[in-house]
PDB file of N, CA and C in Angstrom:
ATOM      1  N   MET A   1      21.679   0.219-112.809  1.00  0.00           N
ATOM      2  CA  MET A   1      20.880  -0.893-113.316  1.00  0.00           C
ATOM      3  C   MET A   1      20.990  -2.104-112.391  1.00  0.00           C
ATOM      4  N   VAL A   2      22.203  -2.403-111.943  1.00  0.00           N
ATOM      5  CA  VAL A   2      22.412  -3.540-111.043  1.00  0.00           C
ATOM      6  C   VAL A   2      21.639  -3.332-109.749  1.00  0.00           C
ATOM      7  N   LYS A   3      21.647  -2.096-109.249  1.00  0.00           N
ATOM      8  CA  LYS A   3      20.936  -1.762-108.022  1.00  0.00           C
ATOM      9  C   LYS A   3      19.442  -2.077-108.161  1.00  0.00           C
ATOM     10  N   ARG A   4      18.869  -1.727-109.313  1.00  0.00           N
ATOM     11  CA  ARG A   4      17.448  -1.978-109.557  1.00  0.00           C
ATOM     12  C   ARG A   4      17.138  -3.477-109.534  1.00  0.00           C
ATOM     13  N   TRP A   5      17.991  -4.278-110.157  1.00  0.00           N
ATOM     14  CA  TRP A   5      17.769  -5.723-110.182  1.00  0.00           C
ATOM     15  C   TRP A   5      17.910  -6.334-108.796  1.00  0.00           C
ATOM     16  N   LEU A   6      18.814  -5.814-107.994  1.00  0.00           N
ATOM     17  CA  LEU A   6      18.961  -6.305-106.629  1.00  0.00           C
ATOM     18  C   LEU A   6      17.712  -6.010-105.805  1.00  0.00           C
ATOM     19  N   ILE A   7      17.148  -4.825-106.003  1.00  0.00           N
ATOM     20  CA  ILE A   7      15.912  -4.478-105.302  1.00  0.00           C
ATOM     21  C   ILE A   7      14.790  -5.414-105.732  1.00  0.00           C
ATOM     22  N   LEU A   8      14.660  -5.652-107.023  1.00  0.00           N
ATOM     23  CA  LEU A   8      13.615  -6.541-107.530  1.00  0.00           C
ATOM     24  C   LEU A   8      13.809  -7.965-107.029  1.00  0.00           C
ATOM     25  N   LEU A   9      15.052  -8.415-107.004  1.00  0.00           N
ATOM     26  CA  LEU A   9      15.343  -9.769-106.512  1.00  0.00           C
ATOM     27  C   LEU A   9      14.972  -9.883-105.043  1.00  0.00           C
ATOM     28  N   ALA A  10      15.352  -8.886-104.257  1.00  0.00           N
ATOM     29  CA  ALA A  10      15.028  -8.900-102.831  1.00  0.00           C
ATOM     30  C   ALA A  10      13.518  -8.870-102.614  1.00  0.00           C
ATOM     31  N   ALA A  11      12.821  -8.007-103.349  1.00  0.00           N
ATOM     32  CA  ALA A  11      11.362  -7.924-103.217  1.00  0.00           C
ATOM     33  C   ALA A  11      10.711  -9.236-103.612  1.00  0.00           C
ATOM     34  N   GLY A  12      11.176  -9.826-104.679  1.00  0.00           N
ATOM     35  CA  GLY A  12      10.629 -11.102-105.127  1.00  0.00           C
ATOM     36  C   GLY A  12      10.878 -12.215-104.124  1.00  0.00           C
ATOM     37  N   THR A  13      12.055 -12.208-103.505  1.00  0.00           N
ATOM     38  CA  THR A  13      12.390 -13.226-102.516  1.00  0.00           C
ATOM     39  C   THR A  13      11.520 -13.075-101.282  1.00  0.00           C
ATOM     40  N   LEU A  14      11.368 -11.835-100.805  1.00  0.00           N
ATOM     41  CA  LEU A  14      10.522 -11.607 -99.638  1.00  0.00           C
ATOM     42  C   LEU A  14       9.080 -11.992 -99.928  1.00  0.00           C
ATOM     43  N   TRP A  15       8.607 -11.621-101.109  1.00  0.00           N
ATOM     44  CA  TRP A  15       7.234 -11.904-101.468  1.00  0.00           C
ATOM     45  C   TRP A  15       7.007 -13.400-101.651  1.00  0.00           C
ATOM     46  N   ALA A  16       7.967 -14.064-102.290  1.00  0.00           N
ATOM     47  CA  ALA A  16       7.834 -15.503-102.511  1.00  0.00           C
ATOM     48  C   ALA A  16       7.799 -16.236-101.187  1.00  0.00           C
ATOM     49  N   GLY A  17       8.540 -15.745-100.216  1.00  0.00           N
ATOM     50  CA  GLY A  17       8.555 -16.372 -98.906  1.00  0.00           C
ATOM     51  C   GLY A  17       7.226 -16.261 -98.201  1.00  0.00           C
ATOM     52  N   ALA A  18       6.420 -15.296 -98.586  1.00  0.00           N
ATOM     53  CA  ALA A  18       5.119 -15.103 -97.955  1.00  0.00           C
ATOM     54  C   ALA A  18       4.070 -16.061 -98.510  1.00  0.00           C
ATOM     55  N   GLY A  19       4.438 -16.879 -99.493  1.00  0.00           N
ATOM     56  CA  GLY A  19       3.516 -17.861-100.044  1.00  0.00           C
ATOM     57  C   GLY A  19       2.527 -17.279-101.035  1.00  0.00           C
ATOM     58  N   SER A  20       2.787 -16.100-101.531  1.00  0.00           N
ATOM     59  CA  SER A  20       1.870 -15.468-102.466  1.00  0.00           C
ATOM     60  C   SER A  20       2.198 -15.871-103.897  1.00  0.00           C
ATOM     61  N   GLU A  21       1.287 -15.527-104.778  1.00  0.00           N
ATOM     62  CA  GLU A  21       1.486 -15.831-106.193  1.00  0.00           C
ATOM     63  C   GLU A  21       1.382 -14.561-107.014  1.00  0.00           C
ATOM     64  N   ILE A  22       1.977 -13.505-106.531  1.00  0.00           N
ATOM     65  CA  ILE A  22       1.935 -12.252-107.261  1.00  0.00           C
ATOM     66  C   ILE A  22       2.911 -12.331-108.418  1.00  0.00           C
ATOM     67  N   PRO A  23       2.451 -12.013-109.632  1.00  0.00           N
ATOM     68  CA  PRO A  23       3.339 -12.075-110.800  1.00  0.00           C
ATOM     69  C   PRO A  23       4.566 -11.180-110.627  1.00  0.00           C
ATOM     70  N   ALA A  24       5.685 -11.632-111.151  1.00  0.00           N
ATOM     71  CA  ALA A  24       6.947 -10.890-111.025  1.00  0.00           C
ATOM     72  C   ALA A  24       6.860  -9.507-111.651  1.00  0.00           C
ATOM     73  N   ASP A  25       6.100  -9.357-112.725  1.00  0.00           N
ATOM     74  CA  ASP A  25       6.011  -8.033-113.339  1.00  0.00           C
ATOM     75  C   ASP A  25       5.238  -7.048-112.456  1.00  0.00           C
ATOM     76  N   CYS A  26       4.348  -7.544-111.600  1.00  0.00           N
ATOM     77  CA  CYS A  26       3.685  -6.661-110.627  1.00  0.00           C
ATOM     78  C   CYS A  26       4.726  -6.121-109.649  1.00  0.00           C
ATOM     79  N   LEU A  27       5.524  -7.030-109.135  1.00  0.00           N
ATOM     80  CA  LEU A  27       6.550  -6.644-108.171  1.00  0.00           C
ATOM     81  C   LEU A  27       7.571  -5.708-108.792  1.00  0.00           C
ATOM     82  N   ALA A  28       7.900  -5.943-110.045  1.00  0.00           N
ATOM     83  CA  ALA A  28       8.903  -5.110-110.714  1.00  0.00           C
ATOM     84  C   ALA A  28       8.494  -3.647-110.707  1.00  0.00           C
ATOM     85  N   CYS A  29       7.250  -3.363-111.039  1.00  0.00           N
ATOM     86  CA  CYS A  29       6.796  -1.962-111.086  1.00  0.00           C
ATOM     87  C   CYS A  29       6.447  -1.434-109.701  1.00  0.00           C
ATOM     88  N   HIS A  30       5.751  -2.229-108.891  1.00  0.00           N
ATOM     89  CA  HIS A  30       5.300  -1.741-107.586  1.00  0.00           C
ATOM     90  C   HIS A  30       6.440  -1.628-106.581  1.00  0.00           C
ATOM     91  N   ALA A  31       7.602  -2.160-106.904  1.00  0.00           N
ATOM     92  CA  ALA A  31       8.780  -1.979-106.049  1.00  0.00           C
ATOM     93  C   ALA A  31       9.613  -0.786-106.497  1.00  0.00           C
ATOM     94  N   THR A  32       9.304  -0.242-107.674  1.00  0.00           N
ATOM     95  CA  THR A  32      10.149   0.840-108.197  1.00  0.00           C
ATOM     96  C   THR A  32       9.356   2.081-108.596  1.00  0.00           C
ATOM     97  N   THR A  33       8.502   1.996-109.611  1.00  0.00           N
ATOM     98  CA  THR A  33       7.864   3.190-110.172  1.00  0.00           C
ATOM     99  C   THR A  33       6.377   3.342-109.855  1.00  0.00           C
ATOM    100  N   ALA A  34       5.682   2.261-109.598  1.00  0.00           N
ATOM    101  CA  ALA A  34       4.247   2.323-109.293  1.00  0.00           C
ATOM    102  C   ALA A  34       4.059   2.473-107.779  1.00  0.00           C
ATOM    103  N   PRO A  35       2.863   2.857-107.345  1.00  0.00           N
ATOM    104  CA  PRO A  35       2.630   2.980-105.904  1.00  0.00           C
ATOM    105  C   PRO A  35       2.866   1.631-105.215  1.00  0.00           C
ATOM    106  N   PRO A  36       3.431   1.628-104.012  1.00  0.00           N
ATOM    107  CA  PRO A  36       3.645   0.368-103.293  1.00  0.00           C
ATOM    108  C   PRO A  36       2.323  -0.362-103.086  1.00  0.00           C
ATOM    109  N   LEU A  37       2.368  -1.670-103.148  1.00  0.00           N
ATOM    110  CA  LEU A  37       1.147  -2.463-103.004  1.00  0.00           C
ATOM    111  C   LEU A  37       0.492  -2.247-101.642  1.00  0.00           C
ATOM    112  N   SER A  38       1.274  -1.923-100.625  1.00  0.00           N
ATOM    113  CA  SER A  38       0.682  -1.655 -99.311  1.00  0.00           C
ATOM    114  C   SER A  38      -0.239  -0.438 -99.373  1.00  0.00           C
ATOM    115  N   LEU A  39       0.156   0.588-100.119  1.00  0.00           N
ATOM    116  CA  LEU A  39      -0.696   1.775-100.261  1.00  0.00           C
ATOM    117  C   LEU A  39      -1.915   1.487-101.123  1.00  0.00           C
ATOM    118  N   VAL A  40      -1.728   0.690-102.149  1.00  0.00           N
ATOM    119  CA  VAL A  40      -2.853   0.297-103.002  1.00  0.00           C
ATOM    120  C   VAL A  40      -3.884  -0.452-102.164  1.00  0.00           C
ATOM    121  N   TYR A  41      -3.402  -1.406-101.354  1.00  0.00           N
ATOM    122  CA  TYR A  41      -4.319  -2.173-100.500  1.00  0.00           C
ATOM    123  C   TYR A  41      -5.051  -1.262 -99.515  1.00  0.00           C
ATOM    124  N   ARG A  42      -4.343  -0.340 -98.893  1.00  0.00           N
ATOM    125  CA  ARG A  42      -4.988   0.553 -97.921  1.00  0.00           C
ATOM    126  C   ARG A  42      -6.086   1.385 -98.567  1.00  0.00           C
ATOM    127  N   ARG A  43      -5.851   1.822 -99.790  1.00  0.00           N
ATOM    128  CA  ARG A  43      -6.867   2.585-100.506  1.00  0.00           C
ATOM    129  C   ARG A  43      -8.117   1.737-100.729  1.00  0.00           C
ATOM    130  N   TYR A  44      -7.914   0.511-101.200  1.00  0.00           N
ATOM    131  CA  TYR A  44      -9.057  -0.384-101.409  1.00  0.00           C
ATOM    132  C   TYR A  44      -9.757  -0.694-100.089  1.00  0.00           C
ATOM    133  N   LEU A  45      -8.993  -0.854 -99.024  1.00  0.00           N
ATOM    134  CA  LEU A  45      -9.574  -1.139 -97.714  1.00  0.00           C
ATOM    135  C   LEU A  45     -10.446   0.024 -97.251  1.00  0.00           C
ATOM    136  N   MET A  46      -9.980   1.250 -97.454  1.00  0.00           N
ATOM    137  CA  MET A  46     -10.779   2.423 -97.088  1.00  0.00           C
ATOM    138  C   MET A  46     -12.091   2.476 -97.858  1.00  0.00           C
ATOM    139  N   LEU A  47     -12.038   2.127 -99.132  1.00  0.00           N
ATOM    140  CA  LEU A  47     -13.226   2.250 -99.981  1.00  0.00           C
ATOM    141  C   LEU A  47     -14.199   1.089 -99.860  1.00  0.00           C
ATOM    142  N   TYR A  48     -13.685  -0.129 -99.705  1.00  0.00           N
ATOM    143  CA  TYR A  48     -14.550  -1.308 -99.817  1.00  0.00           C
ATOM    144  C   TYR A  48     -14.643  -2.143 -98.547  1.00  0.00           C
ATOM    145  N   SER A  49     -13.718  -2.033 -97.648  1.00  0.00           N
ATOM    146  CA  SER A  49     -13.698  -2.588 -96.291  1.00  0.00           C
ATOM    147  C   SER A  49     -13.841  -4.112 -96.116  1.00  0.00           C
ATOM    148  N   SER A  50     -14.350  -4.849 -97.051  1.00  0.00           N
ATOM    149  CA  SER A  50     -14.416  -6.302 -96.876  1.00  0.00           C
ATOM    150  C   SER A  50     -13.468  -6.992 -97.852  1.00  0.00           C
ATOM    151  N   LYS A  51     -12.843  -8.046 -97.387  1.00  0.00           N
ATOM    152  CA  LYS A  51     -11.861  -8.741 -98.222  1.00  0.00           C
ATOM    153  C   LYS A  51     -12.447  -9.217 -99.555  1.00  0.00           C
ATOM    154  N   PRO A  52     -13.622  -9.840 -99.552  1.00  0.00           N
ATOM    155  CA  PRO A  52     -14.176 -10.284-100.849  1.00  0.00           C
ATOM    156  C   PRO A  52     -14.424  -9.122-101.818  1.00  0.00           C
ATOM    157  N   ARG A  53     -14.886  -8.006-101.293  1.00  0.00           N
ATOM    158  CA  ARG A  53     -15.155  -6.842-102.148  1.00  0.00           C
ATOM    159  C   ARG A  53     -13.849  -6.237-102.671  1.00  0.00           C
ATOM    160  N   ILE A  54     -12.808  -6.220-101.816  1.00  0.00           N
ATOM    161  CA  ILE A  54     -11.506  -5.713-102.241  1.00  0.00           C
ATOM    162  C   ILE A  54     -10.948  -6.573-103.361  1.00  0.00           C
ATOM    163  N   VAL A  55     -11.005  -7.891-103.182  1.00  0.00           N
ATOM    164  CA  VAL A  55     -10.496  -8.812-104.211  1.00  0.00           C
ATOM    165  C   VAL A  55     -11.276  -8.628-105.502  1.00  0.00           C
ATOM    166  N   GLU A  56     -12.587  -8.487-105.402  1.00  0.00           N
ATOM    167  CA  GLU A  56     -13.426  -8.294-106.590  1.00  0.00           C
ATOM    168  C   GLU A  56     -13.030  -7.017-107.341  1.00  0.00           C
ATOM    169  N   ARG A  57     -12.925  -5.905-106.628  1.00  0.00           N
ATOM    170  CA  ARG A  57     -12.608  -4.629-107.270  1.00  0.00           C
ATOM    171  C   ARG A  57     -11.184  -4.603-107.816  1.00  0.00           C
ATOM    172  N   MET A  58     -10.237  -5.160-107.063  1.00  0.00           N
ATOM    173  CA  MET A  58      -8.856  -5.208-107.522  1.00  0.00           C
ATOM    174  C   MET A  58      -8.746  -6.083-108.768  1.00  0.00           C
ATOM    175  N   SER A  59      -9.401  -7.224-108.745  1.00  0.00           N
ATOM    176  CA  SER A  59      -9.383  -8.138-109.888  1.00  0.00           C
ATOM    177  C   SER A  59      -9.991  -7.481-111.121  1.00  0.00           C
ATOM    178  N   ARG A  60     -11.100  -6.788-110.922  1.00  0.00           N
ATOM    179  CA  ARG A  60     -11.765  -6.115-112.038  1.00  0.00           C
ATOM    180  C   ARG A  60     -10.811  -5.107-112.691  1.00  0.00           C
ATOM    181  N   PHE A  61     -10.065  -4.366-111.866  1.00  0.00           N
ATOM    182  CA  PHE A  61      -9.105  -3.411-112.416  1.00  0.00           C
ATOM    183  C   PHE A  61      -7.983  -4.131-113.160  1.00  0.00           C
ATOM    184  N   LEU A  62      -7.483  -5.227-112.598  1.00  0.00           N
ATOM    185  CA  LEU A  62      -6.363  -5.942-113.216  1.00  0.00           C
ATOM    186  C   LEU A  62      -6.735  -6.578-114.555  1.00  0.00           C
ATOM    187  N   VAL A  63      -8.003  -6.912-114.732  1.00  0.00           N
ATOM    188  CA  VAL A  63      -8.454  -7.500-115.994  1.00  0.00           C
ATOM    189  C   VAL A  63      -8.645  -6.415-117.051  1.00  0.00           C
ATOM    190  N   ARG A  64      -9.202  -5.259-116.660  1.00  0.00           N
ATOM    191  CA  ARG A  64      -9.443  -4.148-117.590  1.00  0.00           C
ATOM    192  C   ARG A  64      -8.994  -2.834-116.963  1.00  0.00           C
ATOM    193  N   PRO A  65      -7.679  -2.601-116.904  1.00  0.00           N
ATOM    194  CA  PRO A  65      -7.189  -1.378-116.258  1.00  0.00           C
ATOM    195  C   PRO A  65      -7.624  -0.110-117.010  1.00  0.00           C
ATOM    196  N   GLY A  66      -7.911   0.921-116.244  1.00  0.00           N
ATOM    197  CA  GLY A  66      -8.283   2.197-116.837  1.00  0.00           C
ATOM    198  C   GLY A  66      -8.605   3.209-115.765  1.00  0.00           C
ATOM    199  N   LYS A  67      -8.667   4.468-116.151  1.00  0.00           N
ATOM    200  CA  LYS A  67      -8.934   5.544-115.193  1.00  0.00           C
ATOM    201  C   LYS A  67     -10.322   5.440-114.578  1.00  0.00           C
ATOM    202  N   LYS A  68     -11.309   5.047-115.358  1.00  0.00           N
ATOM    203  CA  LYS A  68     -12.678   4.998-114.849  1.00  0.00           C
ATOM    204  C   LYS A  68     -12.866   3.934-113.778  1.00  0.00           C
ATOM    205  N   ILE A  69     -12.157   2.830-113.887  1.00  0.00           N
ATOM    206  CA  ILE A  69     -12.332   1.728-112.944  1.00  0.00           C
ATOM    207  C   ILE A  69     -11.327   1.774-111.798  1.00  0.00           C
ATOM    208  N   SER A  70     -10.291   2.575-111.933  1.00  0.00           N
ATOM    209  CA  SER A  70      -9.269   2.681-110.890  1.00  0.00           C
ATOM    210  C   SER A  70      -9.859   3.264-109.613  1.00  0.00           C
ATOM    211  N   SER A  71      -9.425   2.759-108.485  1.00  0.00           N
ATOM    212  CA  SER A  71      -9.894   3.247-107.186  1.00  0.00           C
ATOM    213  C   SER A  71      -8.949   4.279-106.582  1.00  0.00           C
ATOM    214  N   MET A  72      -7.925   4.618-107.301  1.00  0.00           N
ATOM    215  CA  MET A  72      -6.951   5.588-106.808  1.00  0.00           C
ATOM    216  C   MET A  72      -7.510   7.006-106.904  1.00  0.00           C
ATOM    217  N   PRO A  73      -7.040   7.911-106.037  1.00  0.00           N
ATOM    218  CA  PRO A  73      -7.474   9.314-106.124  1.00  0.00           C
ATOM    219  C   PRO A  73      -7.058   9.919-107.461  1.00  0.00           C
ATOM    220  N   GLU A  74      -7.726  10.975-107.848  1.00  0.00           N
ATOM    221  CA  GLU A  74      -7.504  11.599-109.160  1.00  0.00           C
ATOM    222  C   GLU A  74      -6.044  11.976-109.386  1.00  0.00           C
ATOM    223  N   GLY A  75      -5.393  12.519-108.375  1.00  0.00           N
ATOM    224  CA  GLY A  75      -3.986  12.898-108.510  1.00  0.00           C
ATOM    225  C   GLY A  75      -3.086  11.699-108.809  1.00  0.00           C
ATOM    226  N   MET A  76      -3.369  10.582-108.153  1.00  0.00           N
ATOM    227  CA  MET A  76      -2.591   9.361-108.400  1.00  0.00           C
ATOM    228  C   MET A  76      -2.853   8.842-109.810  1.00  0.00           C
ATOM    229  N   LYS A  77      -4.097   8.944-110.263  1.00  0.00           N
ATOM    230  CA  LYS A  77      -4.427   8.505-111.625  1.00  0.00           C
ATOM    231  C   LYS A  77      -3.637   9.321-112.648  1.00  0.00           C
ATOM    232  N   ASN A  78      -3.552  10.623-112.412  1.00  0.00           N
ATOM    233  CA  ASN A  78      -2.809  11.482-113.333  1.00  0.00           C
ATOM    234  C   ASN A  78      -1.318  11.185-113.289  1.00  0.00           C
ATOM    235  N   ARG A  79      -0.810  10.875-112.114  1.00  0.00           N
ATOM    236  CA  ARG A  79       0.633  10.625-111.977  1.00  0.00           C
ATOM    237  C   ARG A  79       1.052   9.277-112.553  1.00  0.00           C
ATOM    238  N   PHE A  80       0.247   8.225-112.311  1.00  0.00           N
ATOM    239  CA  PHE A  80       0.654   6.878-112.690  1.00  0.00           C
ATOM    240  C   PHE A  80      -0.068   6.314-113.905  1.00  0.00           C
ATOM    241  N   ASN A  81      -1.064   6.993-114.419  1.00  0.00           N
ATOM    242  CA  ASN A  81      -1.811   6.614-115.619  1.00  0.00           C
ATOM    243  C   ASN A  81      -2.209   5.137-115.651  1.00  0.00           C
ATOM    244  N   PRO A  82      -3.328   4.796-115.039  1.00  0.00           N
ATOM    245  CA  PRO A  82      -3.787   3.410-114.999  1.00  0.00           C
ATOM    246  C   PRO A  82      -4.033   2.783-116.374  1.00  0.00           C
ATOM    247  N   GLU A  83      -4.179   3.620-117.399  1.00  0.00           N
ATOM    248  CA  GLU A  83      -4.385   3.103-118.758  1.00  0.00           C
ATOM    249  C   GLU A  83      -3.175   2.280-119.226  1.00  0.00           C
ATOM    250  N   LEU A  84      -1.999   2.566-118.655  1.00  0.00           N
ATOM    251  CA  LEU A  84      -0.780   1.867-119.060  1.00  0.00           C
ATOM    252  C   LEU A  84      -0.533   0.578-118.284  1.00  0.00           C
ATOM    253  N   HIS A  85      -1.352   0.314-117.275  1.00  0.00           N
ATOM    254  CA  HIS A  85      -1.194  -0.900-116.470  1.00  0.00           C
ATOM    255  C   HIS A  85      -1.459  -2.121-117.340  1.00  0.00           C
ATOM    256  N   PRO A  86      -0.620  -3.162-117.237  1.00  0.00           N
ATOM    257  CA  PRO A  86      -0.874  -4.370-118.039  1.00  0.00           C
ATOM    258  C   PRO A  86      -2.160  -5.074-117.591  1.00  0.00           C
ATOM    259  N   ALA A  87      -2.831  -5.698-118.520  1.00  0.00           N
ATOM    260  CA  ALA A  87      -4.051  -6.452-118.218  1.00  0.00           C
ATOM    261  C   ALA A  87      -3.690  -7.913-117.973  1.00  0.00           C
ATOM    262  N   TYR A  88      -4.461  -8.573-117.125  1.00  0.00           N
ATOM    263  CA  TYR A  88      -4.237  -9.977-116.785  1.00  0.00           C
ATOM    264  C   TYR A  88      -5.497 -10.778-117.057  1.00  0.00           C
ATOM    265  N   ASP A  89      -5.330 -12.073-117.183  1.00  0.00           N
ATOM    266  CA  ASP A  89      -6.514 -12.919-117.320  1.00  0.00           C
ATOM    267  C   ASP A  89      -7.217 -12.974-115.956  1.00  0.00           C
ATOM    268  N   PRO A  90      -8.506 -13.276-115.922  1.00  0.00           N
ATOM    269  CA  PRO A  90      -9.262 -13.228-114.663  1.00  0.00           C
ATOM    270  C   PRO A  90      -8.685 -14.102-113.544  1.00  0.00           C
ATOM    271  N   GLN A  91      -8.187 -15.282-113.865  1.00  0.00           N
ATOM    272  CA  GLN A  91      -7.652 -16.171-112.830  1.00  0.00           C
ATOM    273  C   GLN A  91      -6.383 -15.586-112.205  1.00  0.00           C
ATOM    274  N   THR A  92      -5.477 -15.097-113.033  1.00  0.00           N
ATOM    275  CA  THR A  92      -4.239 -14.493-112.532  1.00  0.00           C
ATOM    276  C   THR A  92      -4.559 -13.245-111.717  1.00  0.00           C
ATOM    277  N   ALA A  93      -5.492 -12.450-112.204  1.00  0.00           N
ATOM    278  CA  ALA A  93      -5.878 -11.219-111.503  1.00  0.00           C
ATOM    279  C   ALA A  93      -6.434 -11.537-110.120  1.00  0.00           C
ATOM    280  N   GLU A  94      -7.301 -12.523-110.041  1.00  0.00           N
ATOM    281  CA  GLU A  94      -7.894 -12.873-108.748  1.00  0.00           C
ATOM    282  C   GLU A  94      -6.846 -13.416-107.784  1.00  0.00           C
ATOM    283  N   LYS A  95      -5.952 -14.279-108.271  1.00  0.00           N
ATOM    284  CA  LYS A  95      -4.889 -14.810-107.410  1.00  0.00           C
ATOM    285  C   LYS A  95      -3.975 -13.702-106.915  1.00  0.00           C
ATOM    286  N   ALA A  96      -3.617 -12.781-107.792  1.00  0.00           N
ATOM    287  CA  ALA A  96      -2.751 -11.666-107.400  1.00  0.00           C
ATOM    288  C   ALA A  96      -3.446 -10.783-106.364  1.00  0.00           C
ATOM    289  N   ALA A  97      -4.718 -10.483-106.585  1.00  0.00           N
ATOM    290  CA  ALA A  97      -5.473  -9.651-105.644  1.00  0.00           C
ATOM    291  C   ALA A  97      -5.581 -10.349-104.289  1.00  0.00           C
ATOM    292  N   GLU A  98      -5.862 -11.639-104.286  1.00  0.00           N
ATOM    293  CA  GLU A  98      -5.942 -12.393-103.033  1.00  0.00           C
ATOM    294  C   GLU A  98      -4.598 -12.391-102.308  1.00  0.00           C
ATOM    295  N   ALA A  99      -3.510 -12.505-103.053  1.00  0.00           N
ATOM    296  CA  ALA A  99      -2.178 -12.502-102.451  1.00  0.00           C
ATOM    297  C   ALA A  99      -1.869 -11.147-101.818  1.00  0.00           C
ATOM    298  N   VAL A 100      -2.246 -10.071-102.473  1.00  0.00           N
ATOM    299  CA  VAL A 100      -2.024  -8.729-101.909  1.00  0.00           C
ATOM    300  C   VAL A 100      -2.835  -8.564-100.629  1.00  0.00           C
ATOM    301  N   VAL A 101      -4.100  -8.965-100.662  1.00  0.00           N
ATOM    302  CA  VAL A 101      -4.956  -8.856 -99.479  1.00  0.00           C
ATOM    303  C   VAL A 101      -4.382  -9.692 -98.338  1.00  0.00           C
ATOM    304  N   GLU A 102      -3.936 -10.885 -98.635  1.00  0.00           N
ATOM    305  CA  GLU A 102      -3.370 -11.772 -97.607  1.00  0.00           C
ATOM    306  C   GLU A 102      -2.111 -11.166 -96.996  1.00  0.00           C
ATOM    307  N   LYS A 103      -1.227 -10.648 -97.831  1.00  0.00           N
ATOM    308  CA  LYS A 103       0.041 -10.097 -97.342  1.00  0.00           C
ATOM    309  C   LYS A 103      -0.153  -8.800 -96.576  1.00  0.00           C
ATOM    310  N   GLU A 104      -1.058  -7.956 -97.022  1.00  0.00           N
ATOM    311  CA  GLU A 104      -1.214  -6.621 -96.443  1.00  0.00           C
ATOM    312  C   GLU A 104      -2.334  -6.528 -95.405  1.00  0.00           C
ATOM    313  N   ASP A 105      -2.955  -7.631 -95.055  1.00  0.00           N
ATOM    314  CA  ASP A 105      -4.066  -7.643 -94.103  1.00  0.00           C
ATOM    315  C   ASP A 105      -3.681  -6.929 -92.810  1.00  0.00           C
ATOM    316  N   VAL A 106      -4.376  -5.845 -92.502  1.00  0.00           N
ATOM    317  CA  VAL A 106      -4.030  -5.047 -91.324  1.00  0.00           C
ATOM    318  C   VAL A 106      -4.325  -5.777 -90.023  1.00  0.00           C
ATOM    319  N   LEU A 107      -5.307  -6.645 -90.018  1.00  0.00           N
ATOM    320  CA  LEU A 107      -5.623  -7.370 -88.791  1.00  0.00           C
ATOM    321  C   LEU A 107      -4.470  -8.263 -88.335  1.00  0.00           C
ATOM    322  N   LYS A 108      -3.690  -8.751 -89.272  1.00  0.00           N
ATOM    323  CA  LYS A 108      -2.543  -9.586 -88.933  1.00  0.00           C
ATOM    324  C   LYS A 108      -1.411  -8.752 -88.341  1.00  0.00           C
ATOM    325  N   LYS A 109      -1.454  -7.446 -88.574  1.00  0.00           N
ATOM    326  CA  LYS A 109      -0.388  -6.569 -88.115  1.00  0.00           C
ATOM    327  C   LYS A 109      -0.695  -5.921 -86.764  1.00  0.00           C
ATOM    328  N   ILE A 110      -1.894  -6.106 -86.275  1.00  0.00           N
ATOM    329  CA  ILE A 110      -2.294  -5.508 -85.002  1.00  0.00           C
ATOM    330  C   ILE A 110      -1.870  -6.426 -83.861  1.00  0.00           C
ATOM    331  N   VAL A 111      -1.212  -5.853 -82.876  1.00  0.00           N
ATOM    332  CA  VAL A 111      -0.808  -6.595 -81.696  1.00  0.00           C
ATOM    333  C   VAL A 111      -1.718  -6.174 -80.558  1.00  0.00           C
ATOM    334  N   VAL A 112      -2.381  -7.160 -79.987  1.00  0.00           N
ATOM    335  CA  VAL A 112      -3.281  -6.867 -78.872  1.00  0.00           C
ATOM    336  C   VAL A 112      -2.613  -7.337 -77.595  1.00  0.00           C
ATOM    337  N   GLU A 113      -2.452  -6.409 -76.668  1.00  0.00           N
ATOM    338  CA  GLU A 113      -1.866  -6.748 -75.371  1.00  0.00           C
ATOM    339  C   GLU A 113      -2.991  -6.896 -74.363  1.00  0.00           C
ATOM    340  N   THR A 114      -2.897  -7.939 -73.578  1.00  0.00           N
ATOM    341  CA  THR A 114      -3.896  -8.148 -72.546  1.00  0.00           C
ATOM    342  C   THR A 114      -3.260  -7.833 -71.204  1.00  0.00           C
ATOM    343  N   SER A 115      -4.017  -7.223 -70.343  1.00  0.00           N
ATOM    344  CA  SER A 115      -3.495  -6.919 -69.005  1.00  0.00           C
ATOM    345  C   SER A 115      -3.661  -8.151 -68.121  1.00  0.00           C
ATOM    346  N   LYS A 116      -2.745  -8.291 -67.190  1.00  0.00           N
ATOM    347  CA  LYS A 116      -2.770  -9.483 -66.320  1.00  0.00           C
ATOM    348  C   LYS A 116      -3.457  -9.194 -65.026  1.00  0.00           C
TER     349      LYS A 116
END
């Protein structure tokens, strides 16, 4: 049990340092039992490709979670059951989705080397 709380504390500290406003209960599950937020973001990026569209779709799911609206593959839906995901108010959902997109943005992770 102590180990789990240390992981959550570390995840929360790292996330808080990134300037995001992701609710602590999101981090609690996505750091332990739910799919990592990096994988969730990559899935949305594959399907929707633009940041505004990703935020819109992610927010829509966070407000009314369910299998029909989930963007996860069928196997993931069966494993993690999106029906059990907590619902958020629209403002919190949008802020959380924006924070995930900001933190996981692949363009920020690409290093471009220029030849001299």
